[in-house]
Amino acid sequence: MSPLRGKNIILRLVLLYYKLLVNLFYYVCLCVAALTTAVMAALPVTSKVGKVIDNIIKSPEDKRLYRGLQLKNGMKLLLISDATADKSAAALDVHIGM
């Protein structure tokens, strides 16, 4: 077997492994999105939540689920669930100073 053919086989195996990892990541993201949607639908109002806002104003074309929460310590949260999203994210905005 020539060295060039050996490198070609290794390259194909690496590409196959990469495709498998990308597909695995995609399906994990789908599962996380579905789980997030289910959890948001069943999210109980606990003793730390002071106020729940479900009537968030949004575009009629927006199919995402929104829920606003204000905790008893004053922290405001906006939960957004999009079952069609291919990525998950979290963000935090901290106002410090004047």
N, C-alpha and C. Protein backbone atom coordinates (compact mmCIF):
# COMPACT_ATOMS: atom_id res chain seq x y z
N MET A 1 0.85 -1.18 0.00
CA MET A 1 0.00 0.00 0.00
C MET A 1 0.90 1.24 0.00
N SER A 2 0.57 2.19 -0.83
CA SER A 2 1.38 3.40 -0.94
C SER A 2 1.09 4.33 0.24
N PRO A 3 2.05 5.18 0.62
CA PRO A 3 1.84 6.12 1.73
C PRO A 3 0.68 7.07 1.46
N LEU A 4 0.46 7.46 0.20
CA LEU A 4 -0.62 8.36 -0.15
C LEU A 4 -1.98 7.72 0.13
N ARG A 5 -2.10 6.43 -0.19
CA ARG A 5 -3.35 5.72 0.05
C ARG A 5 -3.61 5.59 1.56
N GLY A 6 -2.58 5.38 2.34
CA GLY A 6 -2.73 5.30 3.79
C GLY A 6 -3.22 6.60 4.38
N LYS A 7 -2.70 7.73 3.90
CA LYS A 7 -3.13 9.05 4.38
C LYS A 7 -4.58 9.31 3.98
N ASN A 8 -4.97 8.85 2.79
CA ASN A 8 -6.33 9.03 2.31
C ASN A 8 -7.31 8.28 3.22
N ILE A 9 -6.97 7.09 3.63
CA ILE A 9 -7.84 6.31 4.53
C ILE A 9 -7.96 7.01 5.88
N ILE A 10 -6.86 7.50 6.40
CA ILE A 10 -6.88 8.20 7.69
C ILE A 10 -7.74 9.46 7.58
N LEU A 11 -7.61 10.20 6.49
CA LEU A 11 -8.41 11.40 6.30
C LEU A 11 -9.90 11.06 6.25
N ARG A 12 -10.25 9.99 5.56
CA ARG A 12 -11.65 9.57 5.51
C ARG A 12 -12.18 9.18 6.88
N LEU A 13 -11.36 8.49 7.67
CA LEU A 13 -11.79 8.12 9.03
C LEU A 13 -11.98 9.35 9.91
N VAL A 14 -11.10 10.32 9.78
CA VAL A 14 -11.22 11.56 10.56
C VAL A 14 -12.49 12.30 10.16
N LEU A 15 -12.77 12.40 8.86
CA LEU A 15 -13.99 13.07 8.40
C LEU A 15 -15.24 12.34 8.87
N LEU A 16 -15.22 11.01 8.84
CA LEU A 16 -16.36 10.24 9.32
C LEU A 16 -16.59 10.48 10.81
N TYR A 17 -15.50 10.49 11.59
CA TYR A 17 -15.59 10.76 13.02
C TYR A 17 -16.16 12.16 13.27
N TYR A 18 -15.70 13.14 12.50
CA TYR A 18 -16.19 14.51 12.63
C TYR A 18 -17.69 14.58 12.34
N LYS A 19 -18.13 13.93 11.27
CA LYS A 19 -19.56 13.93 10.92
C LYS A 19 -20.39 13.29 12.04
N LEU A 20 -19.88 12.21 12.62
CA LEU A 20 -20.59 11.57 13.73
C LEU A 20 -20.71 12.50 14.92
N LEU A 21 -19.64 13.23 15.24
CA LEU A 21 -19.68 14.17 16.36
C LEU A 21 -20.66 15.31 16.10
N VAL A 22 -20.68 15.83 14.88
CA VAL A 22 -21.59 16.92 14.54
C VAL A 22 -23.04 16.44 14.67
N ASN A 23 -23.33 15.25 14.16
CA ASN A 23 -24.69 14.71 14.27
C ASN A 23 -25.08 14.46 15.72
N LEU A 24 -24.15 13.95 16.51
CA LEU A 24 -24.43 13.72 17.93
C LEU A 24 -24.74 15.03 18.63
N PHE A 25 -23.95 16.07 18.36
CA PHE A 25 -24.18 17.38 18.96
C PHE A 25 -25.54 17.93 18.55
N TYR A 26 -25.91 17.77 17.29
CA TYR A 26 -27.20 18.25 16.79
C TYR A 26 -28.35 17.58 17.56
N TYR A 27 -28.28 16.27 17.73
CA TYR A 27 -29.37 15.57 18.42
C TYR A 27 -29.40 15.88 19.91
N VAL A 28 -28.25 16.13 20.50
CA VAL A 28 -28.22 16.54 21.90
C VAL A 28 -28.90 17.90 22.05
N CYS A 29 -28.63 18.82 21.12
CA CYS A 29 -29.28 20.14 21.16
C CYS A 29 -30.78 20.03 21.00
N LEU A 30 -31.23 19.14 20.11
CA LEU A 30 -32.67 18.93 19.95
C LEU A 30 -33.30 18.42 21.24
N CYS A 31 -32.62 17.50 21.91
CA CYS A 31 -33.14 16.96 23.17
C CYS A 31 -33.18 18.05 24.25
N VAL A 32 -32.16 18.88 24.31
CA VAL A 32 -32.13 19.96 25.29
C VAL A 32 -33.26 20.95 25.03
N ALA A 33 -33.52 21.27 23.76
CA ALA A 33 -34.60 22.20 23.42
C ALA A 33 -35.95 21.63 23.82
N ALA A 34 -36.15 20.34 23.54
CA ALA A 34 -37.42 19.70 23.90
C ALA A 34 -37.60 19.65 25.41
N LEU A 35 -36.52 19.35 26.12
CA LEU A 35 -36.58 19.28 27.58
C LEU A 35 -36.85 20.67 28.17
N THR A 36 -36.22 21.70 27.62
CA THR A 36 -36.44 23.07 28.10
C THR A 36 -37.89 23.48 27.92
N THR A 37 -38.47 23.13 26.78
CA THR A 37 -39.88 23.44 26.53
C THR A 37 -40.77 22.75 27.54
N ALA A 38 -40.49 21.47 27.81
CA ALA A 38 -41.30 20.72 28.77
C ALA A 38 -41.15 21.28 30.18
N VAL A 39 -39.95 21.66 30.55
CA VAL A 39 -39.72 22.21 31.90
C VAL A 39 -40.41 23.56 32.05
N MET A 40 -40.33 24.40 31.01
CA MET A 40 -40.98 25.71 31.10
C MET A 40 -42.49 25.56 31.24
N ALA A 41 -43.06 24.57 30.56
CA ALA A 41 -44.50 24.37 30.65
C ALA A 41 -44.91 23.90 32.04
N ALA A 42 -44.01 23.19 32.72
CA ALA A 42 -44.35 22.64 34.03
C ALA A 42 -43.66 23.39 35.17
N LEU A 43 -43.07 24.55 34.88
CA LEU A 43 -42.32 25.29 35.89
C LEU A 43 -43.24 25.74 37.02
N PRO A 44 -43.03 25.23 38.22
CA PRO A 44 -43.89 25.63 39.32
C PRO A 44 -43.48 27.00 39.88
N VAL A 45 -44.43 27.67 40.45
CA VAL A 45 -44.14 28.93 41.10
C VAL A 45 -43.74 28.60 42.53
N THR A 46 -42.47 28.80 42.84
CA THR A 46 -41.96 28.44 44.17
C THR A 46 -41.99 29.66 45.08
N SER A 47 -41.58 29.44 46.32
CA SER A 47 -41.63 30.52 47.31
C SER A 47 -40.61 31.63 47.02
N LYS A 48 -39.61 31.38 46.17
CA LYS A 48 -38.62 32.41 45.85
C LYS A 48 -39.08 33.33 44.72
N VAL A 49 -40.12 32.94 44.01
CA VAL A 49 -40.63 33.75 42.91
C VAL A 49 -41.71 34.67 43.44
N GLY A 50 -41.51 35.97 43.24
CA GLY A 50 -42.48 36.93 43.70
C GLY A 50 -43.59 37.19 42.70
N LYS A 51 -43.25 37.18 41.41
CA LYS A 51 -44.22 37.53 40.38
C LYS A 51 -43.91 36.75 39.10
N VAL A 52 -44.96 36.26 38.44
CA VAL A 52 -44.82 35.55 37.16
C VAL A 52 -45.54 36.36 36.09
N ILE A 53 -44.86 36.60 34.97
CA ILE A 53 -45.46 37.35 33.87
C ILE A 53 -45.50 36.44 32.66
N ASP A 54 -46.71 36.05 32.23
CA ASP A 54 -46.86 35.20 31.05
C ASP A 54 -47.37 35.95 29.84
N ASN A 55 -47.85 37.18 30.03
CA ASN A 55 -48.41 37.95 28.91
C ASN A 55 -47.37 38.89 28.31
N ILE A 56 -46.25 38.34 27.86
CA ILE A 56 -45.17 39.12 27.26
C ILE A 56 -45.59 39.51 25.85
N ILE A 57 -45.43 40.78 25.50
CA ILE A 57 -45.82 41.26 24.17
C ILE A 57 -44.76 40.80 23.16
N LYS A 58 -45.22 40.14 22.08
CA LYS A 58 -44.32 39.65 21.05
C LYS A 58 -45.04 39.67 19.71
N SER A 59 -44.30 39.49 18.66
CA SER A 59 -44.87 39.44 17.31
C SER A 59 -45.75 38.20 17.16
N PRO A 60 -46.84 38.32 16.40
CA PRO A 60 -47.69 37.14 16.15
C PRO A 60 -46.94 36.03 15.41
N GLU A 61 -45.88 36.38 14.70
CA GLU A 61 -45.10 35.38 13.97
C GLU A 61 -44.08 34.67 14.86
N ASP A 62 -43.84 35.18 16.05
CA ASP A 62 -42.87 34.59 16.97
C ASP A 62 -43.49 33.39 17.66
N LYS A 63 -42.93 32.20 17.41
CA LYS A 63 -43.48 30.95 17.96
C LYS A 63 -42.79 30.51 19.25
N ARG A 64 -41.84 31.32 19.75
CA ARG A 64 -41.13 30.95 20.97
C ARG A 64 -42.03 31.15 22.19
N LEU A 65 -41.70 30.43 23.27
CA LEU A 65 -42.43 30.57 24.53
C LEU A 65 -41.66 31.51 25.44
N TYR A 66 -42.36 32.44 26.07
CA TYR A 66 -41.73 33.43 26.95
C TYR A 66 -42.38 33.36 28.33
N ARG A 67 -41.57 33.56 29.36
CA ARG A 67 -42.10 33.70 30.71
C ARG A 67 -41.17 34.64 31.47
N GLY A 68 -41.77 35.64 32.09
CA GLY A 68 -41.00 36.57 32.91
C GLY A 68 -41.18 36.22 34.37
N LEU A 69 -40.13 36.36 35.13
CA LEU A 69 -40.18 36.10 36.58
C LEU A 69 -39.50 37.25 37.30
N GLN A 70 -40.06 37.61 38.44
CA GLN A 70 -39.37 38.54 39.33
C GLN A 70 -39.25 37.83 40.66
N LEU A 71 -38.01 37.62 41.08
CA LEU A 71 -37.77 36.93 42.34
C LEU A 71 -38.02 37.88 43.50
N LYS A 72 -38.19 37.31 44.67
CA LYS A 72 -38.45 38.14 45.85
C LYS A 72 -37.27 39.04 46.21
N ASN A 73 -36.07 38.68 45.74
CA ASN A 73 -34.91 39.54 46.01
C ASN A 73 -34.78 40.67 44.99
N GLY A 74 -35.76 40.78 44.03
CA GLY A 74 -35.78 41.86 43.05
C GLY A 74 -35.19 41.50 41.70
N MET A 75 -34.52 40.37 41.59
CA MET A 75 -33.94 39.97 40.32
C MET A 75 -35.03 39.64 39.30
N LYS A 76 -34.86 40.15 38.07
CA LYS A 76 -35.83 39.91 37.01
C LYS A 76 -35.24 38.91 36.01
N LEU A 77 -36.05 37.95 35.59
CA LEU A 77 -35.62 36.91 34.66
C LEU A 77 -36.55 36.87 33.47
N LEU A 78 -36.01 36.58 32.31
CA LEU A 78 -36.82 36.34 31.13
C LEU A 78 -36.40 34.98 30.58
N LEU A 79 -37.31 34.02 30.60
CA LEU A 79 -37.04 32.69 30.08
C LEU A 79 -37.63 32.60 28.68
N ILE A 80 -36.84 32.10 27.74
CA ILE A 80 -37.28 31.96 26.36
C ILE A 80 -37.01 30.53 25.92
N SER A 81 -38.01 29.89 25.35
CA SER A 81 -37.84 28.53 24.84
C SER A 81 -38.20 28.50 23.37
N ASP A 82 -37.28 27.96 22.57
CA ASP A 82 -37.48 27.83 21.13
C ASP A 82 -37.15 26.40 20.74
N ALA A 83 -38.17 25.60 20.48
CA ALA A 83 -37.97 24.18 20.16
C ALA A 83 -37.26 23.98 18.83
N THR A 84 -37.25 25.01 17.97
CA THR A 84 -36.60 24.87 16.67
C THR A 84 -35.15 25.34 16.68
N ALA A 85 -34.67 25.86 17.79
CA ALA A 85 -33.29 26.37 17.86
C ALA A 85 -32.30 25.22 17.80
N ASP A 86 -31.16 25.47 17.17
CA ASP A 86 -30.14 24.43 17.10
C ASP A 86 -29.03 24.66 18.12
N LYS A 87 -29.13 25.71 18.93
CA LYS A 87 -28.12 25.99 19.96
C LYS A 87 -28.81 26.45 21.23
N SER A 88 -28.15 26.24 22.34
CA SER A 88 -28.65 26.71 23.63
C SER A 88 -27.76 27.85 24.09
N ALA A 89 -28.30 28.75 24.89
CA ALA A 89 -27.51 29.87 25.36
C ALA A 89 -28.07 30.40 26.67
N ALA A 90 -27.23 31.11 27.38
CA ALA A 90 -27.65 31.81 28.58
C ALA A 90 -26.91 33.14 28.61
N ALA A 91 -27.55 34.15 29.18
CA ALA A 91 -26.93 35.47 29.26
C ALA A 91 -27.23 36.09 30.61
N LEU A 92 -26.35 36.95 31.06
CA LEU A 92 -26.51 37.63 32.34
C LEU A 92 -26.09 39.07 32.17
N ASP A 93 -26.93 39.99 32.62
CA ASP A 93 -26.63 41.41 32.54
C ASP A 93 -26.59 41.93 33.98
N VAL A 94 -25.43 42.40 34.41
CA VAL A 94 -25.26 42.89 35.77
C VAL A 94 -24.98 44.39 35.73
N HIS A 95 -25.87 45.16 36.31
CA HIS A 95 -25.69 46.63 36.38
C HIS A 95 -24.87 46.95 37.61
N ILE A 96 -23.70 47.54 37.39
CA ILE A 96 -22.79 47.88 38.49
C ILE A 96 -22.45 49.36 38.39
N GLY A 97 -22.44 50.00 39.51
CA GLY A 97 -22.04 51.41 39.52
C GLY A 97 -23.22 52.33 39.30
N MET A 98 -22.93 53.50 38.76
CA MET A 98 -23.94 54.54 38.61
C MET A 98 -24.87 54.25 37.49
